[in-house]
Structure formats: structure tokens, C-alpha cells
């Protein structure tokens, strides 16, 4: 059983490392998404008087 515990320990450490990497990537993507979304909301669309003609 001691050998099995060592293998599980290594597998557990690898799983934790993989989970941390995936979690970090997810957090980074969420922060970039929020930042991009906030940047879009601050841009005020032009008024019809200032809008370019499309005809």
C-alpha cells in the first residue's frame, strides 16, 4: 500500500498543478473579458447628427 500511496501522491500533485494552471488561465481570461467589456461601455455611440452617412 505504501507504493500505491506514493503513486497517488505523484498523480495528485500533477492533478493539482494542472488544475491550478487551468484555473489561472480561466481567471486571466475572465479579467481580460471584463476589461474589454468595460472599455466598450465607455465609448458613447455618435449622435445621429454626427454619424457618417451610409447611403
Protein backbone atom coordinates (compact mmCIF):
# COMPACT_ATOMS: atom_id res chain seq x y z
CA UNK A 1 0.00 0.00 0.00
CA UNK A 2 2.90 2.35 0.57
CA UNK A 3 3.85 2.14 -3.11
CA UNK A 4 0.30 2.92 -4.15
CA UNK A 5 0.24 5.95 -1.90
CA UNK A 6 3.42 7.30 -3.47
CA UNK A 7 1.99 6.88 -6.98
CA UNK A 8 -1.26 8.51 -5.92
CA UNK A 9 0.69 11.29 -4.30
CA UNK A 10 2.54 12.00 -7.55
CA UNK A 11 -0.68 11.78 -9.53
CA UNK A 12 -2.40 14.03 -7.03
CA UNK A 13 0.37 16.61 -7.26
CA UNK A 14 0.18 16.54 -11.05
CA UNK A 15 -3.60 16.93 -10.96
CA UNK A 16 -3.33 19.86 -8.58
CA UNK A 17 -0.72 21.53 -10.78
CA UNK A 18 -2.87 21.03 -13.88
CA UNK A 19 -5.93 22.34 -12.07
CA UNK A 20 -4.04 25.40 -10.89
CA UNK A 21 -2.82 26.13 -14.42
CA UNK A 22 -6.31 25.80 -15.86
CA UNK A 23 -7.78 27.89 -13.07
CA UNK A 24 -5.18 30.62 -13.57
CA UNK A 25 -5.88 30.71 -17.30
CA UNK A 26 -9.62 30.95 -16.65
CA UNK A 27 -9.15 33.84 -14.23
CA UNK A 28 -6.88 35.66 -16.68
CA UNK A 29 -9.41 35.21 -19.49
CA UNK A 30 -12.23 36.49 -17.29
CA UNK A 31 -10.25 39.58 -16.31
CA UNK A 32 -9.42 40.34 -19.94
CA UNK A 33 -13.08 39.90 -20.89
CA UNK A 34 -14.26 42.28 -18.16
CA UNK A 35 -11.62 44.84 -19.10
CA UNK A 36 -12.64 44.69 -22.77
CA UNK A 37 -16.31 44.93 -21.87
CA UNK A 38 -15.76 47.99 -19.68
CA UNK A 39 -13.79 49.67 -22.48
CA UNK A 40 -16.71 49.18 -24.85
CA UNK A 41 -19.30 50.65 -22.48
CA UNK A 42 -17.29 53.84 -22.06
CA UNK A 43 -17.43 54.52 -25.82
CA UNK A 44 -20.51 56.62 -26.46
CA UNK A 45 -22.11 55.97 -29.86
CA UNK A 46 -22.21 59.04 -32.09
CA UNK A 47 -25.39 61.05 -32.20
CA UNK A 48 -27.39 60.91 -35.44
CA UNK A 49 -26.22 64.42 -36.30
CA UNK A 50 -22.58 63.32 -36.09
CA UNK A 51 -22.99 59.87 -37.63
CA UNK A 52 -21.42 59.27 -41.05
CA UNK A 53 -23.75 58.84 -44.00
CA UNK A 54 -24.29 55.25 -45.12
CA UNK A 55 -26.19 55.85 -48.36
